[in-house]
Amino acid sequence: MTSQNKINTIVPVVKSDYATMQDGQKIEMYTLTNSNGMIAEVITMGGDIIKLTAPDKNGTFKDVVLGYTSPELYLNENPYFFGAIIGRYGNRIANGRFSLDGKEYSLPVNNGPNTLHGGKGFDKRVWQAEPLGNQTVGLQLTYTAKDGEEGFPGNLKVTVTYILTDDNTLEVSYEAHTDKKTVVNLTQHSYFNLSADFDTTITDHEVMLKADKFLPVGESQIPTGELCAVAGTPFDFTTPKEVGKDIDADDEQLKKGHGYDHCFVFSDGANAGYREVGSVYHKGSGRFMQLFTDQPSVQFYSGNFLDGKADSKTGGKYEKRSGLCLETQHYPDAPNQPEFPSTVLNPGEKYSTKTAYKFSVK
C-alpha cells in the first residue's frame, strides 16, 4: 500500500472514551486528523487540546503542546490550564469584582486577591461535542454557563469550534450569546514547545509579535492602566527574538511577572480584523508557527509558574519555562478599566472571534 493510499484511509474525526468522572459522567476524546497526518486530540473536559502534532524539517510529526500523562490529572487538577478553553473571562479581574450599570458583581478569588480565568471556569466544565460534516475536519463544542455561575450575570451559551485544515492550521472560533448584560473574554491556553522535547525550555524559541505596546502590571499582575511602548525595552518582539535574550534582564516588569506574563497590544488597534499578528520559530527542529487573530491583544506567557511537579510527556518534569502560551484576547481587567476596549456583551448581540495557529517549516 502506498503512503498516499494510507492517508486516504484516515478517518478525519474519531470519537473514543477517555475517562469517567467520580460522579459517573463520561469524558470523551475526539481525534482530528488532516490529509497530511497532522493530529489534534481534544477531550470534552474543558475542551482541552491534549495533543497537537506538527512536522519538523525532516517531515517528522511530533506533539508540540504540553499536557498530562494521565487522564485523572485533567479531571481533578490542571492548575496550569493545559490546553483548555478559558472563560467566562480569560486573564485577571482585580479584587474579584466588577460593576455593570451600577450593580457590583463578586467573583471567586483564586489568584492572590484577584479572579483568574473565570474562577472555576470553562476549563473545569464538561462540554458537549459534535464532529463537523461536509468534509471538514473539525469539532464543535458547546457549553451553557448559568446566570450567576462563578458570580457572572447572564445565561451564556458558548460555542467553540476547532478545525484542522490541510495546510496544517488549527483554527479556533468562538461564539457566545447572553440573555443578560455580561462580560466575556474567551481564549485558548495551550502551551507550545516546538522542539517536541518537553524537558527543555522555550528560551531558544524565536518569538515575533506585531505589538508596539504592552500593559505594565502592578504587584498582583493587574494592569496599571498605562500602555507602554515596547521600543527600547525587553518587551520588544517586533522583530524575531529568542525568548531567553532578555527574559532575565534587570527589569521591574519582568520581576513582577517572573518573566513574560503580560498583555501585548497589537499595533493596528482593536478593530483591525483577522490578520497575522505573530510567530514562533524553533531553529533546531525547523518548526514555525504563525499566529492569526481578530483580537486586539495577546497574553504572552513564558511558562514562569511551571514548577516541576507534573510529569512531562517526554519522561521528565514540566520545569519553569518548558512551554509558552499565546492567549489571544481582550485586555485583562477591562471590566474595571473603562479606557480599555469593552468586553461587555448585551442580549441580542453575538460574541464572535477567531484565532488560528498555522504550522510549517523554515
Protein backbone atom coordinates (compact mmCIF):
# COMPACT_ATOMS: atom_id res chain seq x y z
CA MET A 1 0.00 0.00 0.00
CA THR A 2 1.38 3.42 -0.91
CA SER A 3 1.66 6.18 1.65
CA GLN A 4 -0.97 8.14 -0.30
CA ASN A 5 -3.39 5.24 0.00
CA LYS A 6 -2.69 5.06 3.71
CA ILE A 7 -3.54 8.72 4.13
CA ASN A 8 -6.74 8.27 2.14
CA THR A 9 -7.89 5.65 4.66
CA ILE A 10 -7.59 8.09 7.56
CA VAL A 11 -10.87 8.79 9.34
CA PRO A 12 -10.88 12.59 9.84
CA VAL A 13 -12.63 12.60 13.26
CA VAL A 14 -12.67 9.62 15.62
CA LYS A 15 -14.59 9.56 18.90
CA SER A 16 -13.42 7.42 21.83
CA ASP A 17 -13.95 7.06 25.56
CA TYR A 18 -11.32 8.93 27.55
CA ALA A 19 -12.19 8.80 31.25
CA THR A 20 -15.02 8.60 33.76
CA MET A 21 -15.52 11.19 36.48
CA GLN A 22 -16.31 10.25 40.07
CA ASP A 23 -19.98 11.08 39.51
CA GLY A 24 -20.07 8.67 36.56
CA GLN A 25 -20.01 11.32 33.85
CA LYS A 26 -18.14 10.19 30.75
CA ILE A 27 -15.33 12.25 29.24
CA GLU A 28 -14.89 11.73 25.51
CA MET A 29 -11.87 12.23 23.29
CA TYR A 30 -12.00 13.28 19.65
CA THR A 31 -9.01 12.73 17.36
CA LEU A 32 -8.85 15.07 14.38
CA THR A 33 -6.51 14.08 11.52
CA ASN A 34 -5.90 16.05 8.35
CA SER A 35 -4.78 14.70 4.96
CA ASN A 36 -1.10 15.18 5.90
CA GLY A 37 -1.41 13.06 9.03
CA MET A 38 -1.35 16.01 11.44
CA ILE A 39 -3.28 15.17 14.62
CA ALA A 40 -5.20 17.16 17.23
CA GLU A 41 -6.67 15.32 20.21
CA VAL A 42 -9.41 17.12 22.16
CA ILE A 43 -11.25 15.99 25.30
CA THR A 44 -14.64 17.22 26.45
CA MET A 45 -13.30 18.21 29.87
CA GLY A 46 -12.52 21.89 29.33
CA GLY A 47 -12.30 21.39 25.58
CA ASP A 48 -8.65 20.62 26.31
CA ILE A 49 -6.27 20.11 23.40
CA ILE A 50 -4.20 17.26 24.83
CA LYS A 51 -2.10 16.56 21.72
CA LEU A 52 -1.18 18.53 18.62
CA THR A 53 1.41 17.30 16.17
CA ALA A 54 3.44 19.34 13.70
CA PRO A 55 6.18 18.43 11.18
CA ASP A 56 9.86 19.24 11.63
CA LYS A 57 12.40 19.96 8.88
CA ASN A 58 12.66 16.22 8.19
CA GLY A 59 8.90 15.86 7.82
CA THR A 60 8.53 14.10 11.17
CA PHE A 61 5.29 14.86 13.03
CA LYS A 62 5.64 15.16 16.79
CA ASP A 63 3.49 16.51 19.60
CA VAL A 64 4.20 20.20 20.33
CA VAL A 65 1.82 21.00 23.21
CA LEU A 66 2.31 20.35 26.90
CA GLY A 67 -0.19 18.13 28.66
CA TYR A 68 -0.69 15.48 31.31
CA THR A 69 0.30 11.84 31.03
CA SER A 70 -2.77 10.68 32.99
CA PRO A 71 -6.49 11.39 32.43
CA GLU A 72 -7.08 11.80 36.16
CA LEU A 73 -4.93 14.93 36.24
CA TYR A 74 -7.15 16.64 33.66
CA LEU A 75 -10.24 15.74 35.67
CA ASN A 76 -9.00 16.59 39.15
CA GLU A 77 -6.27 19.18 38.84
CA ASN A 78 -4.93 21.07 35.81
CA PRO A 79 -3.83 24.15 37.78
CA TYR A 80 -1.73 25.09 34.73
CA PHE A 81 -4.78 25.15 32.39
CA PHE A 82 -3.00 22.86 29.90
CA GLY A 83 -4.75 23.13 26.51
CA ALA A 84 -8.03 24.45 27.93
CA ILE A 85 -10.78 26.77 26.75
CA ILE A 86 -10.71 29.74 29.12
CA GLY A 87 -13.79 31.71 30.20
CA ARG A 88 -16.11 33.29 31.11
CA TYR A 89 -13.35 35.87 31.46
CA GLY A 90 -9.78 34.98 30.50
CA ASN A 91 -6.95 36.58 32.47
CA ARG A 92 -7.33 38.58 35.69
CA ILE A 93 -10.12 40.69 37.17
CA ALA A 94 -8.93 42.87 40.05
CA ASN A 95 -10.12 42.00 43.55
CA GLY A 96 -12.72 39.58 42.21
CA ARG A 97 -15.31 42.22 41.42
CA PHE A 98 -16.66 44.49 38.71
CA SER A 99 -19.75 46.64 38.12
CA LEU A 100 -22.30 46.81 35.30
CA ASP A 101 -24.90 49.58 35.21
CA GLY A 102 -24.20 50.39 38.85
CA LYS A 103 -24.58 46.82 40.13
CA GLU A 104 -21.50 45.17 41.61
CA TYR A 105 -20.75 41.51 40.93
CA SER A 106 -18.49 39.45 43.19
CA LEU A 107 -16.40 36.61 41.80
CA PRO A 108 -14.35 33.83 43.42
CA VAL A 109 -10.80 34.93 44.19
CA ASN A 110 -8.27 32.30 43.04
CA ASN A 111 -5.08 34.21 42.18
CA GLY A 112 -3.86 36.31 45.09
CA PRO A 113 -6.52 38.99 45.55
CA ASN A 114 -7.83 38.53 42.00
CA THR A 115 -10.02 36.28 39.86
CA LEU A 116 -8.05 34.38 37.21
CA HIS A 117 -9.64 32.75 34.14
CA GLY A 118 -13.18 32.97 35.48
CA GLY A 119 -12.70 31.17 38.81
CA LYS A 120 -13.92 27.60 38.39
CA GLY A 121 -14.11 28.44 34.74
CA PHE A 122 -14.84 26.76 31.44
CA ASP A 123 -11.65 24.70 31.76
CA LYS A 124 -13.31 22.79 34.64
CA ARG A 125 -16.58 22.12 32.80
CA VAL A 126 -17.65 19.21 30.60
CA TRP A 127 -18.59 20.36 27.09
CA GLN A 128 -20.95 18.75 24.61
CA ALA A 129 -19.17 17.80 21.38
CA GLU A 130 -20.26 17.19 17.80
CA PRO A 131 -17.96 16.47 14.84
CA LEU A 132 -18.40 18.73 11.83
CA GLY A 133 -19.53 17.33 8.49
CA ASN A 134 -19.18 18.47 4.89
CA GLN A 135 -15.59 17.23 4.50
CA THR A 136 -14.42 19.48 7.33
CA VAL A 137 -12.02 18.01 9.90
CA GLY A 138 -13.46 19.76 12.90
CA LEU A 139 -15.25 19.60 16.23
CA GLN A 140 -17.93 21.86 17.68
CA LEU A 141 -18.07 22.18 21.46
CA THR A 142 -20.94 23.80 23.35
CA TYR A 143 -21.46 24.82 26.96
CA THR A 144 -24.04 27.00 28.69
CA ALA A 145 -22.89 28.89 31.77
CA LYS A 146 -25.83 29.59 34.05
CA ASP A 147 -26.78 33.04 35.29
CA GLY A 148 -24.72 33.60 38.44
CA GLU A 149 -22.19 30.84 37.71
CA GLU A 150 -18.95 31.96 39.38
CA GLY A 151 -20.69 35.29 40.07
CA PHE A 152 -21.13 36.37 36.43
CA PRO A 153 -24.53 37.60 35.22
CA GLY A 154 -26.49 36.05 32.38
CA ASN A 155 -27.08 32.63 30.91
CA LEU A 156 -24.22 32.48 28.44
CA LYS A 157 -24.35 29.94 25.61
CA VAL A 158 -20.87 29.34 24.22
CA THR A 159 -19.76 27.50 21.09
CA VAL A 160 -16.11 26.80 20.37
CA THR A 161 -15.12 25.19 17.07
CA TYR A 162 -11.79 23.55 16.31
CA ILE A 163 -10.95 22.99 12.63
CA LEU A 164 -7.80 21.27 11.38
CA THR A 165 -7.10 22.31 7.79
CA ASP A 166 -4.96 20.67 5.13
CA ASP A 167 -2.37 23.45 5.31
CA ASN A 168 -1.61 22.35 8.90
CA THR A 169 -3.58 25.14 10.56
CA LEU A 170 -5.60 24.72 13.74
CA GLU A 171 -8.45 27.24 13.69
CA VAL A 172 -10.28 28.12 16.90
CA SER A 173 -13.56 30.03 16.57
CA TYR A 174 -15.64 31.31 19.49
CA GLU A 175 -19.28 32.39 19.66
CA ALA A 176 -21.42 33.39 22.62
CA HIS A 177 -24.90 34.73 23.33
CA THR A 178 -26.32 36.03 26.61
CA ASP A 179 -29.79 36.82 27.99
CA LYS A 180 -28.44 39.44 30.40
CA LYS A 181 -25.74 42.08 30.11
CA THR A 182 -22.41 40.46 31.00
CA VAL A 183 -18.69 40.46 30.26
CA VAL A 184 -16.93 37.88 28.07
CA ASN A 185 -13.28 37.27 27.20
CA LEU A 186 -12.56 33.81 25.79
CA THR A 187 -9.20 32.33 24.86
CA GLN A 188 -7.23 29.10 24.44
CA HIS A 189 -4.49 28.09 26.88
CA SER A 190 -2.25 25.66 25.01
CA TYR A 191 1.43 25.67 25.93
CA PHE A 192 3.71 25.25 22.92
CA ASN A 193 7.20 23.79 22.79
CA LEU A 194 8.12 23.42 19.12
CA SER A 195 11.17 21.30 19.91
CA ALA A 196 8.76 18.49 20.91
CA ASP A 197 11.13 17.83 23.83
CA PHE A 198 9.18 18.95 26.87
CA ASP A 199 12.17 18.51 29.16
CA THR A 200 13.81 21.56 27.58
CA THR A 201 12.84 25.21 27.93
CA ILE A 202 11.42 27.53 25.29
CA THR A 203 14.10 30.18 25.84
CA ASP A 204 15.66 29.24 22.46
CA HIS A 205 12.36 29.84 20.61
CA GLU A 206 12.25 32.98 18.48
CA VAL A 207 9.05 34.95 19.05
CA MET A 208 7.73 37.81 16.92
CA LEU A 209 4.70 39.90 17.94
CA LYS A 210 3.31 42.80 15.92
CA ALA A 211 2.76 44.71 19.13
CA ASP A 212 4.17 48.18 19.71
CA LYS A 213 2.78 48.44 23.25
CA PHE A 214 2.27 46.27 26.31
CA LEU A 215 0.32 46.65 29.53
CA PRO A 216 2.53 47.10 32.59
CA VAL A 217 1.19 45.48 35.75
CA GLY A 218 1.21 46.13 39.49
CA GLU A 219 2.27 43.79 42.27
CA SER A 220 -0.65 41.38 41.77
CA GLN A 221 -0.31 41.44 37.97
CA ILE A 222 -3.29 43.70 37.32
CA PRO A 223 -2.68 46.28 34.55
CA THR A 224 -1.95 49.75 35.86
CA GLY A 225 -4.00 51.31 33.05
CA GLU A 226 -0.96 52.56 31.14
CA LEU A 227 0.05 51.43 27.67
CA CYS A 228 3.83 51.40 27.40
CA ALA A 229 5.87 51.37 24.21
CA VAL A 230 7.91 48.19 23.76
CA ALA A 231 10.70 50.05 21.94
CA GLY A 232 13.91 50.07 23.94
CA THR A 233 12.59 47.54 26.49
CA PRO A 234 12.86 43.75 26.95
CA PHE A 235 9.27 43.60 25.67
CA ASP A 236 10.17 44.46 22.09
CA PHE A 237 9.34 41.44 19.90
CA THR A 238 8.53 43.47 16.80
CA THR A 239 11.41 41.64 15.14
CA PRO A 240 12.02 37.95 15.93
CA LYS A 241 13.94 37.48 19.16
CA GLU A 242 14.81 34.48 21.30
CA VAL A 243 12.65 34.37 24.42
CA GLY A 244 15.75 33.95 26.59
CA LYS A 245 17.56 37.00 25.25
CA ASP A 246 16.06 39.49 27.72
CA ILE A 247 13.88 37.36 30.00
CA ASP A 248 16.24 37.66 32.96
CA ALA A 249 17.03 41.34 32.44
CA ASP A 250 17.01 43.68 35.43
CA ASP A 251 13.54 44.98 34.65
CA GLU A 252 10.77 45.71 37.15
CA GLN A 253 8.01 44.35 34.91
CA LEU A 254 9.86 41.09 34.27
CA LYS A 255 10.31 40.69 38.02
CA LYS A 256 6.59 41.16 38.63
CA GLY A 257 5.71 38.56 36.01
CA HIS A 258 8.64 36.24 36.86
CA GLY A 259 9.35 36.55 33.15
CA TYR A 260 6.86 37.34 30.40
CA ASP A 261 3.25 37.20 31.60
CA HIS A 262 1.94 40.38 30.03
CA CYS A 263 -0.67 41.57 27.57
CA PHE A 264 0.87 42.75 24.28
CA VAL A 265 -1.26 45.23 22.32
CA PHE A 266 -1.18 44.90 18.54
CA SER A 267 -0.04 47.94 16.60
CA ASP A 268 -3.09 48.03 14.29
CA GLY A 269 -5.66 48.50 17.05
CA ALA A 270 -8.83 46.88 18.29
CA ASN A 271 -10.82 46.84 15.01
CA ALA A 272 -8.20 45.62 12.54
CA GLY A 273 -9.97 42.35 11.75
CA TYR A 274 -8.49 38.91 11.24
CA ARG A 275 -4.78 39.08 10.38
CA GLU A 276 -1.36 37.61 11.16
CA VAL A 277 -0.08 39.05 14.44
CA GLY A 278 2.95 36.96 15.38
CA SER A 279 5.03 33.83 15.05
CA VAL A 280 7.21 31.33 16.90
CA TYR A 281 10.25 29.60 15.38
CA HIS A 282 12.43 26.81 16.74
CA LYS A 283 15.66 26.66 14.79
CA GLY A 284 16.70 23.18 15.90
CA SER A 285 13.58 21.45 14.60
CA GLY A 286 12.76 23.98 11.89
CA ARG A 287 9.17 24.20 13.15
CA PHE A 288 7.49 27.55 12.51
CA MET A 289 4.12 28.60 13.93
CA GLN A 290 2.22 31.66 12.70
CA LEU A 291 -0.45 33.28 14.85
CA PHE A 292 -3.61 34.82 13.36
CA THR A 293 -6.45 36.53 15.21
CA ASP A 294 -9.03 39.30 15.13
CA GLN A 295 -8.38 40.19 18.78
CA PRO A 296 -6.67 43.43 19.91
CA SER A 297 -4.02 41.78 22.08
CA VAL A 298 -2.32 38.59 23.23
CA GLN A 299 -1.16 37.45 26.65
CA PHE A 300 2.35 36.15 26.09
CA TYR A 301 3.14 33.80 28.96
CA SER A 302 6.55 32.16 29.12
CA GLY A 303 5.57 29.34 31.50
CA ASN A 304 7.12 31.00 34.53
CA PHE A 305 4.94 29.20 37.07
CA LEU A 306 5.53 25.67 35.83
CA ASP A 307 7.17 24.15 38.87
CA GLY A 308 8.48 20.67 38.08
CA LYS A 309 5.60 18.89 39.83
CA ALA A 310 3.90 17.45 36.75
CA ASP A 311 5.33 14.60 34.68
CA SER A 312 6.10 15.59 31.10
CA LYS A 313 5.18 13.60 28.00
CA THR A 314 8.88 13.04 27.25
CA GLY A 315 9.82 11.45 30.55
CA GLY A 316 10.93 14.31 32.76
CA LYS A 317 9.04 17.09 34.54
CA TYR A 318 7.48 20.31 33.29
CA GLU A 319 10.00 22.75 34.70
CA LYS A 320 9.85 26.54 34.61
CA ARG A 321 9.59 27.84 31.03
CA SER A 322 9.15 24.46 29.37
CA GLY A 323 6.27 25.87 27.32
CA LEU A 324 4.88 29.21 26.15
CA CYS A 325 1.31 30.43 25.68
CA LEU A 326 -0.04 32.97 23.21
CA GLU A 327 -3.53 33.70 24.55
CA THR A 328 -5.32 35.98 22.08
CA GLN A 329 -7.88 38.08 23.92
CA HIS A 330 -9.08 41.48 25.12
CA TYR A 331 -7.24 43.30 27.89
CA PRO A 332 -7.07 41.93 31.45
CA ASP A 333 -9.32 43.67 33.99
CA ALA A 334 -11.18 45.55 31.22
CA PRO A 335 -14.48 45.46 33.19
CA ASN A 336 -12.81 47.70 35.80
CA GLN A 337 -10.88 49.92 33.38
CA PRO A 338 -13.30 51.85 31.12
CA GLU A 339 -10.50 53.25 28.96
CA PHE A 340 -9.73 49.69 27.77
CA PRO A 341 -11.70 48.20 24.82
CA SER A 342 -15.04 46.97 26.16
CA THR A 343 -15.71 43.31 26.91
CA VAL A 344 -19.43 43.86 27.56
CA LEU A 345 -21.89 41.58 25.75
CA ASN A 346 -25.56 42.58 25.60
CA PRO A 347 -28.62 40.43 24.92
CA GLY A 348 -29.23 40.22 21.18
CA GLU A 349 -25.54 40.65 20.36
CA LYS A 350 -23.19 37.89 19.22
CA TYR A 351 -19.71 37.49 20.62
CA SER A 352 -17.66 36.16 17.71
CA THR A 353 -13.90 35.84 17.37
CA LYS A 354 -11.33 33.63 15.64
CA THR A 355 -7.71 32.65 16.22
CA ALA A 356 -5.51 30.24 14.26
CA TYR A 357 -2.13 28.56 14.64
CA LYS A 358 -0.51 27.64 11.32
CA PHE A 359 2.42 25.21 11.33
CA SER A 360 5.13 24.91 8.69
CA VAL A 361 8.90 24.61 8.39
CA LYS A 362 11.55 27.17 7.59
